[in-house]
Structures are given as C-alpha cells and as structure tokens.
Amino acid sequence: MNTLSQLKKGALEHCVLAVIAAAGKRYGYEIVRVLSDKGLITYEGTIYPLLSRLKKDGLVTTSWESTDKGAPRKYYQITEQGSQSLAAFRTAWQDFHRTVNRILEQEDDFGELPQ
C-alpha cells in the first residue's frame, strides 16, 4: 500500500465524523459523495463497515427515515463521545501536521546525533 493510502486510512474515521458533524446527520452514500467531492476518494464498501464500527464504539447513532423517493435511509448522527473524539483528533492532527511540516521543511535544527 502506498504512503498516501496509509495516510487516508489513518484519518478516514475522523473525516467521516467531521462530515456527519457538519450536517447534523447524513446517510451512507451521502458521506461517500462528500468525501469523494473533497478529494478523499472512498467507496461504500469501505464506509459502511467503518460506520458500523463507529456505531458499535458509541461515536454515532443511527435512525431510519422515510424518503419521498424510495426506501427509507439509515442516517448517522455524531454522539457527544464522537464529538469529543473528533475534537481530540483535530488537536492531535494539528500538532502532528506542524511537526511533520517542520521536519520536512527542515525548519528544526536537527543537530548532530550522539555517537
């Protein structure tokens, strides 16, 4: 698996939580579409198992809602625990992002390693 795929895999759970939180609630295909539109290409086969795990972990709840255009849809809403997890990830991500950028841009003085 390439580096970009590994990075996406590591961040996907919290990107899904952020997409749900931004709208209040979303259904599965809608989440896939939003992530894809933002450039984080993913597939329903990846998202639905992830959503099941988020529910099992208490980070989202689900509800079925009728639609005018067909079968009812399962909607996902973020829980308080999910919001806390997302907030913690945002902080950790910013710290990680800054550190990696400093290293990659060689803003830090690495000095010499002890022998």
Foldseek 3Di string as FASTA:
>chain_A
DDPVVVVLVVCVLLLLLVVCAVVQKDFQVVSQVVCVVVPSHDDSVVRPVSLVVCVVVVQWDWDWDDDPPDHTTIMIGGDPVNVVVSVVVVVVVVVVVVVVVCVVVVVDDPDDDDD
